[in-house]
Amino acid sequence: MTAFPDPRMIDAGGIKLALYRDGPDPKETDKPAVLLLHGWPELAYSWRYQMPALAAAGYPVFAIDNRGFGNSDKPKGVDAYAMDSLAQDVAGTLDAIGVDKAVIAGHDWGALVLWSLPFYIPERLLGCIGLNVPLMGYPPVDPVTMFRAAFGEDMYIVRFQTEGACEPILEADLKRTFRFFFRKPGGNSGLSDGAFESNSLDLIALLQRDESSWGGVPLVSDEDIAVYAHGYRDGMTAPLHWYRNFKKNWEMLGEKRLPDGKLPKVTVPCLQFLADLDRACPPSLADGMDDRCDDLEIIILKGCGHWSMQERAGDVNAGMIRWLADHFS
């Protein structure tokens, strides 16, 4: 198991979040603070390779277990996980660590939060670093309707919409669940290559197959799997509530559009990592992103799947540190 800081609990504006930190005190350096946001099914621990690298480069670095995850509070009800609350968690975290503005990095759901922040709390942003999920244009219909039309009722996000439908399957053996998800492309077939190549996004059905049929290559150690399983000891309902707010988030974001129907341009510097073997979030999702950002750099990780900051930690660390130096030295 990779060493990771112990958390301290902070009050992030009415909710208690587990905060992990490394590097210098923000008040003792001119380098910007960096706040890392994880996705699903992850934890702050997913940034275990980035935190020491950023700290060694002189950056104050922080990560949180998002609301509903790990050691953080898990409020009841779907509405508690809508984007306005998630954005305020970021603002509350920055308040708690005494930072007015920060560079925010996000992966997977953390990236969806990240790319909403310019429209919710733009005054708190110095820069944005997205991993795998890019800033996309405002869709004409809500995302769940789009997913259902494109992939059918068995697509995992569509299945997640019904509370209680998938939780028993995911929770039946948490270590097995994480062994399934944390795989990287390799071999003759697998979750990251063969399954996604065949347009199957029914991840729940794939999880229920015999483990020998999953394909791909295990990405993390048994010790790391145990960390994730412990982090989800309270179950999957709260984390899956994030998915149950897709429509509400789409409606709220629509209220922030300009008269021409587009969202405002993102004016802070942006860095986007894409992975060419990420079947759930292919690089094509970033088409047109340069028109949505004033200052954008894209790094494509060749031969990489969805879990980029764990699978290609060295490349991600080097890209982040070089970009930070270029823009905030």
Protein backbone atom coordinates (compact mmCIF):
# COMPACT_ATOMS: atom_id res chain seq x y z
CA MET A 1 0.00 0.00 0.00
CA THR A 2 1.30 3.43 -0.94
CA ALA A 3 1.80 5.85 1.95
CA PHE A 4 -0.89 8.50 2.19
CA PRO A 5 -1.44 11.37 4.64
CA ASP A 6 -3.82 10.95 7.54
CA PRO A 7 -6.99 13.02 7.17
CA ARG A 8 -8.26 15.83 9.30
CA MET A 9 -11.92 16.71 9.33
CA ILE A 10 -12.86 20.20 8.17
CA ASP A 11 -16.11 22.13 8.21
CA ALA A 12 -16.65 22.98 4.56
CA GLY A 13 -19.67 25.19 5.05
CA GLY A 14 -22.00 22.92 6.96
CA ILE A 15 -20.62 19.55 5.93
CA LYS A 16 -17.65 17.70 7.41
CA LEU A 17 -15.13 16.57 4.80
CA ALA A 18 -11.97 14.50 5.20
CA LEU A 19 -9.01 16.60 4.04
CA TYR A 20 -5.58 15.23 3.15
CA ARG A 21 -2.62 17.55 2.66
CA ASP A 22 1.04 17.59 1.73
CA GLY A 23 3.64 20.21 0.83
CA PRO A 24 4.26 23.63 2.31
CA ASP A 25 1.78 25.87 4.03
CA PRO A 26 0.08 28.05 1.40
CA LYS A 27 1.06 31.14 3.39
CA GLU A 28 4.75 30.23 3.17
CA THR A 29 5.10 29.95 -0.61
CA ASP A 30 4.26 31.93 -3.72
CA LYS A 31 3.25 28.74 -5.51
CA PRO A 32 -0.49 28.15 -5.84
CA ALA A 33 -2.38 25.63 -3.76
CA VAL A 34 -3.66 22.63 -5.71
CA LEU A 35 -6.90 20.89 -4.71
CA LEU A 36 -7.56 17.39 -6.09
CA LEU A 37 -11.08 15.99 -6.66
CA HIS A 38 -11.62 12.27 -7.19
CA GLY A 39 -14.30 10.37 -9.08
CA TRP A 40 -16.27 7.13 -8.72
CA PRO A 41 -15.56 4.52 -7.51
CA GLU A 42 -12.60 6.27 -5.99
CA LEU A 43 -11.40 8.18 -2.95
CA ALA A 44 -8.87 10.92 -2.23
CA TYR A 45 -6.46 7.97 -2.04
CA SER A 46 -6.57 7.79 -5.85
CA TRP A 47 -4.24 10.84 -5.81
CA ARG A 48 -1.59 8.97 -3.78
CA TYR A 49 1.00 9.35 -6.56
CA GLN A 50 0.29 13.02 -7.32
CA MET A 51 0.31 14.43 -3.78
CA PRO A 52 3.97 13.66 -2.92
CA ALA A 53 5.16 14.65 -6.40
CA LEU A 54 3.41 18.03 -6.25
CA ALA A 55 4.60 18.56 -2.68
CA ALA A 56 8.20 17.77 -3.67
CA ALA A 57 7.88 20.39 -6.42
CA GLY A 58 6.95 22.95 -3.76
CA TYR A 59 3.17 23.11 -4.17
CA PRO A 60 0.73 23.07 -1.26
CA VAL A 61 -1.50 20.15 -2.25
CA PHE A 62 -4.82 19.04 -0.82
CA ALA A 63 -7.32 16.30 -1.57
CA ILE A 64 -10.72 15.53 -0.11
CA ASP A 65 -12.94 12.52 0.16
CA ASN A 66 -15.93 13.97 -1.66
CA ARG A 67 -19.23 14.22 0.19
CA GLY A 68 -20.74 10.75 0.35
CA PHE A 69 -17.35 9.03 0.10
CA GLY A 70 -14.74 7.62 2.44
CA ASN A 71 -14.39 9.46 5.73
CA SER A 72 -16.53 12.46 4.75
CA ASP A 73 -20.14 13.09 5.73
CA LYS A 74 -22.81 11.20 3.81
CA PRO A 75 -26.00 13.26 3.96
CA LYS A 76 -29.27 11.50 3.20
CA GLY A 77 -31.24 12.02 0.02
CA VAL A 78 -30.50 12.47 -3.67
CA ASP A 79 -30.81 16.26 -3.60
CA ALA A 80 -27.84 16.57 -1.23
CA TYR A 81 -25.52 15.60 -4.11
CA ALA A 82 -26.51 18.15 -6.75
CA MET A 83 -23.84 20.27 -8.39
CA ASP A 84 -24.59 23.46 -6.47
CA SER A 85 -23.74 21.61 -3.24
CA LEU A 86 -20.65 19.99 -4.76
CA ALA A 87 -19.35 23.37 -5.94
CA GLN A 88 -19.92 24.85 -2.51
CA ASP A 89 -17.95 21.98 -0.98
CA VAL A 90 -14.97 23.18 -3.02
CA ALA A 91 -15.48 26.77 -1.89
CA GLY A 92 -15.89 25.61 1.71
CA THR A 93 -12.71 23.56 1.50
CA LEU A 94 -10.75 26.56 0.23
CA ASP A 95 -12.18 28.63 3.08
CA ALA A 96 -11.16 25.97 5.59
CA ILE A 97 -7.55 25.89 4.38
CA GLY A 98 -7.34 29.68 4.16
CA VAL A 99 -6.92 29.89 0.39
CA ASP A 100 -8.74 32.47 -1.69
CA LYS A 101 -8.00 30.89 -5.08
CA ALA A 102 -6.50 27.57 -6.12
CA VAL A 103 -5.74 25.35 -9.07
CA ILE A 104 -8.35 22.59 -9.08
CA ALA A 105 -7.73 19.18 -10.61
CA GLY A 106 -10.44 16.59 -11.12
CA HIS A 107 -10.75 13.07 -12.49
CA ASP A 108 -13.95 11.32 -13.61
CA TRP A 109 -16.78 12.79 -11.46
CA GLY A 110 -14.21 15.11 -9.94
CA ALA A 111 -13.65 16.46 -13.46
CA LEU A 112 -17.39 17.00 -13.93
CA VAL A 113 -17.32 19.09 -10.77
CA LEU A 114 -14.16 20.87 -11.93
CA TRP A 115 -15.68 21.89 -15.27
CA SER A 116 -18.77 23.24 -13.49
CA LEU A 117 -16.77 25.46 -11.14
CA PRO A 118 -16.14 28.24 -13.74
CA PHE A 119 -19.91 28.74 -13.80
CA TYR A 120 -20.54 28.37 -10.06
CA ILE A 121 -17.50 29.81 -8.26
CA PRO A 122 -15.24 31.39 -10.92
CA GLU A 123 -13.78 33.81 -8.37
CA ARG A 124 -12.08 30.88 -6.56
CA LEU A 125 -10.22 29.48 -9.57
CA LEU A 126 -6.62 30.05 -10.65
CA GLY A 127 -6.57 27.20 -13.13
CA CYS A 128 -8.24 23.90 -14.09
CA ILE A 129 -6.69 20.47 -14.66
CA GLY A 130 -9.05 17.84 -16.02
CA LEU A 131 -8.30 14.14 -16.29
CA ASN A 132 -10.20 11.93 -18.76
CA VAL A 133 -13.46 13.91 -18.63
CA PRO A 134 -13.14 17.18 -20.60
CA LEU A 135 -15.19 20.36 -20.66
CA MET A 136 -18.03 19.61 -23.06
CA GLY A 137 -20.65 21.83 -24.62
CA TYR A 138 -24.13 22.18 -23.15
CA PRO A 139 -26.18 19.24 -24.50
CA PRO A 140 -29.63 19.78 -26.04
CA VAL A 141 -31.23 17.18 -23.73
CA ASP A 142 -30.33 15.91 -20.30
CA PRO A 143 -27.44 13.41 -20.21
CA VAL A 144 -29.46 10.45 -18.92
CA THR A 145 -31.85 10.78 -21.86
CA MET A 146 -28.83 10.87 -24.18
CA PHE A 147 -27.25 7.81 -22.53
CA ARG A 148 -30.51 5.87 -22.72
CA ALA A 149 -30.97 6.70 -26.40
CA ALA A 150 -27.38 5.85 -27.30
CA PHE A 151 -26.73 2.78 -25.14
CA GLY A 152 -30.09 1.47 -23.91
CA GLU A 153 -31.57 0.71 -20.52
CA ASP A 154 -28.63 -1.47 -19.45
CA MET A 155 -26.02 1.28 -19.67
CA TYR A 156 -24.58 1.58 -16.18
CA ILE A 157 -25.50 5.25 -15.62
CA VAL A 158 -29.09 4.55 -16.69
CA ARG A 159 -29.25 1.59 -14.32
CA PHE A 160 -27.85 3.74 -11.50
CA GLN A 161 -30.87 6.08 -11.71
CA THR A 162 -33.06 3.65 -9.74
CA GLU A 163 -32.02 3.78 -6.10
CA GLY A 164 -31.38 0.32 -4.71
CA ALA A 165 -31.18 -1.42 -8.08
CA CYS A 166 -27.40 -1.74 -8.32
CA GLU A 167 -26.23 -1.20 -4.75
CA PRO A 168 -26.71 -4.85 -3.66
CA ILE A 169 -24.63 -6.09 -6.60
CA LEU A 170 -21.83 -3.58 -6.06
CA GLU A 171 -21.80 -4.09 -2.29
CA ALA A 172 -22.01 -7.90 -2.26
CA ASP A 173 -18.21 -8.21 -2.32
CA LEU A 174 -16.53 -4.82 -2.29
CA LYS A 175 -13.04 -6.15 -2.91
CA ARG A 176 -14.30 -8.04 -5.97
CA THR A 177 -16.06 -4.89 -7.20
CA PHE A 178 -12.87 -2.87 -7.00
CA ARG A 179 -10.85 -5.61 -8.66
CA PHE A 180 -13.31 -5.37 -11.54
CA PHE A 181 -13.20 -1.61 -11.94
CA PHE A 182 -9.50 -0.99 -11.36
CA ARG A 183 -8.14 -2.67 -14.47
CA LYS A 184 -6.11 -1.31 -17.34
CA PRO A 185 -5.99 -2.26 -21.02
CA GLY A 186 -4.03 -5.40 -21.75
CA GLY A 187 -4.39 -8.99 -22.82
CA ASN A 188 -6.82 -10.09 -25.50
CA SER A 189 -9.99 -8.62 -24.04
CA GLY A 190 -11.27 -6.82 -20.98
CA LEU A 191 -13.21 -4.04 -19.38
CA SER A 192 -11.02 -1.30 -20.81
CA ASP A 193 -10.60 -2.66 -24.34
CA GLY A 194 -12.79 -5.55 -25.51
CA ALA A 195 -15.93 -4.67 -23.54
CA PHE A 196 -15.92 -1.00 -24.42
CA GLU A 197 -14.91 -1.73 -28.01
CA SER A 198 -18.06 -3.83 -28.40
CA ASN A 199 -20.16 -0.86 -27.17
CA SER A 200 -21.11 -2.66 -23.97
CA LEU A 201 -21.48 -0.21 -21.12
CA ASP A 202 -23.55 -2.57 -18.98
CA LEU A 203 -20.85 -2.63 -16.35
CA ILE A 204 -23.12 -4.27 -13.79
CA ALA A 205 -23.63 -7.32 -16.02
CA LEU A 206 -19.89 -7.44 -16.76
CA LEU A 207 -19.14 -7.30 -13.04
CA GLN A 208 -21.39 -10.30 -12.46
CA ARG A 209 -19.46 -12.46 -14.91
CA ASP A 210 -16.82 -14.88 -13.72
CA GLU A 211 -13.70 -12.96 -12.76
CA SER A 212 -11.63 -14.94 -15.27
CA SER A 213 -13.65 -13.38 -18.12
CA TRP A 214 -13.02 -9.76 -17.21
CA GLY A 215 -9.87 -9.42 -19.26
CA GLY A 216 -7.51 -6.51 -19.06
CA VAL A 217 -4.79 -6.30 -16.42
CA PRO A 218 -5.25 -5.59 -12.69
CA LEU A 219 -4.12 -2.05 -11.96
CA VAL A 220 -3.79 -1.80 -8.18
CA SER A 221 -2.47 -4.05 -5.43
CA ASP A 222 -4.54 -6.12 -3.01
CA GLU A 223 -3.50 -3.66 -0.29
CA ASP A 224 -4.88 -0.76 -2.33
CA ILE A 225 -8.09 -2.71 -3.00
CA ALA A 226 -8.50 -3.07 0.77
CA VAL A 227 -8.21 0.72 1.19
CA TYR A 228 -11.00 1.30 -1.33
CA ALA A 229 -13.21 -1.39 0.16
CA HIS A 230 -12.83 0.16 3.61
CA GLY A 231 -13.62 3.59 2.16
CA TYR A 232 -16.95 2.25 0.88
CA ARG A 233 -17.83 0.47 4.12
CA ASP A 234 -21.01 2.59 4.40
CA GLY A 235 -22.22 1.37 1.02
CA MET A 236 -22.71 2.71 -2.49
CA THR A 237 -25.96 4.66 -2.14
CA ALA A 238 -24.45 8.06 -1.37
CA PRO A 239 -21.80 7.84 -4.12
CA LEU A 240 -24.42 6.74 -6.67
CA HIS A 241 -26.59 9.73 -5.73
CA TRP A 242 -24.08 11.80 -7.70
CA TYR A 243 -25.29 10.00 -10.85
CA ARG A 244 -28.93 10.56 -9.89
CA ASN A 245 -28.45 14.31 -10.24
CA PHE A 246 -27.44 14.37 -13.91
CA LYS A 247 -30.77 15.83 -15.01
CA LYS A 248 -30.95 18.37 -12.18
CA ASN A 249 -27.35 19.43 -12.82
CA TRP A 250 -28.14 19.86 -16.52
CA GLU A 251 -31.14 22.05 -15.67
CA MET A 252 -29.16 24.21 -13.24
CA LEU A 253 -26.27 24.62 -15.66
CA GLY A 254 -28.71 25.68 -18.36
CA GLU A 255 -29.60 28.69 -16.26
CA LYS A 256 -26.00 29.90 -16.57
CA ARG A 257 -25.98 30.07 -20.38
CA LEU A 258 -25.52 33.27 -22.32
CA PRO A 259 -28.29 34.65 -24.57
CA ASP A 260 -26.82 32.69 -27.50
CA GLY A 261 -27.43 29.45 -25.60
CA LYS A 262 -23.75 28.75 -24.94
CA LEU A 263 -21.95 28.72 -21.63
CA PRO A 264 -19.43 31.49 -20.95
CA LYS A 265 -15.85 30.80 -21.98
CA VAL A 266 -13.47 29.57 -19.31
CA THR A 267 -10.89 32.31 -18.89
CA VAL A 268 -8.36 30.72 -16.49
CA PRO A 269 -5.57 28.49 -17.83
CA CYS A 270 -6.71 24.91 -18.45
CA LEU A 271 -4.89 21.60 -18.84
CA GLN A 272 -6.71 18.49 -20.04
CA PHE A 273 -5.37 14.93 -19.96
CA LEU A 274 -7.04 12.46 -22.33
CA ALA A 275 -6.44 8.70 -22.60
CA ASP A 276 -6.70 7.08 -26.00
CA LEU A 277 -7.90 3.71 -24.60
CA ASP A 278 -10.56 5.17 -22.30
CA ARG A 279 -13.70 3.67 -23.87
CA ALA A 280 -16.09 5.40 -21.46
CA CYS A 281 -14.50 8.84 -21.99
CA PRO A 282 -12.78 8.77 -25.39
CA PRO A 283 -10.64 11.72 -26.50
CA SER A 284 -13.33 12.70 -29.01
CA LEU A 285 -15.35 14.09 -26.09
CA ALA A 286 -12.87 16.99 -26.05
CA ASP A 287 -13.66 18.02 -29.65
CA GLY A 288 -14.34 21.75 -29.62
CA MET A 289 -12.89 22.26 -26.15
CA ASP A 290 -10.41 24.80 -27.47
CA ASP A 291 -13.38 27.01 -28.38
CA ARG A 292 -14.64 26.80 -24.79
CA CYS A 293 -11.37 27.82 -23.11
CA ASP A 294 -9.18 30.90 -23.63
CA ASP A 295 -5.97 29.08 -22.67
CA LEU A 296 -5.99 25.31 -23.16
CA GLU A 297 -3.34 22.61 -23.38
CA ILE A 298 -4.28 18.99 -24.12
CA ILE A 299 -2.07 16.01 -23.31
CA ILE A 300 -3.07 12.64 -24.81
CA LEU A 301 -1.78 9.62 -22.92
CA LYS A 302 -1.15 6.87 -25.45
CA GLY A 303 -2.01 3.34 -24.41
CA CYS A 304 -3.79 4.52 -21.27
CA GLY A 305 -7.22 3.65 -19.92
CA HIS A 306 -9.61 5.48 -17.63
CA TRP A 307 -7.59 5.53 -14.40
CA SER A 308 -4.91 7.82 -15.78
CA MET A 309 -3.40 9.25 -12.60
CA GLN A 310 -2.90 5.74 -11.22
CA GLU A 311 -2.03 4.00 -14.49
CA ARG A 312 0.34 6.66 -15.82
CA ALA A 313 1.30 8.49 -12.65
CA GLY A 314 4.73 9.56 -13.88
CA ASP A 315 3.39 11.14 -17.07
CA VAL A 316 0.53 12.83 -15.25
CA ASN A 317 2.83 14.17 -12.53
CA ALA A 318 5.36 15.51 -15.03
CA GLY A 319 2.66 17.14 -17.14
CA MET A 320 0.98 18.79 -14.16
CA ILE A 321 4.22 20.10 -12.65
CA ARG A 322 5.51 21.45 -15.95
CA TRP A 323 2.16 23.14 -16.73
CA LEU A 324 1.97 24.65 -13.25
CA ALA A 325 5.50 26.05 -13.63
CA ASP A 326 4.66 27.48 -17.05
CA HIS A 327 1.60 29.34 -15.80
CA PHE A 328 2.25 30.13 -12.15
CA SER A 329 6.00 30.52 -11.71
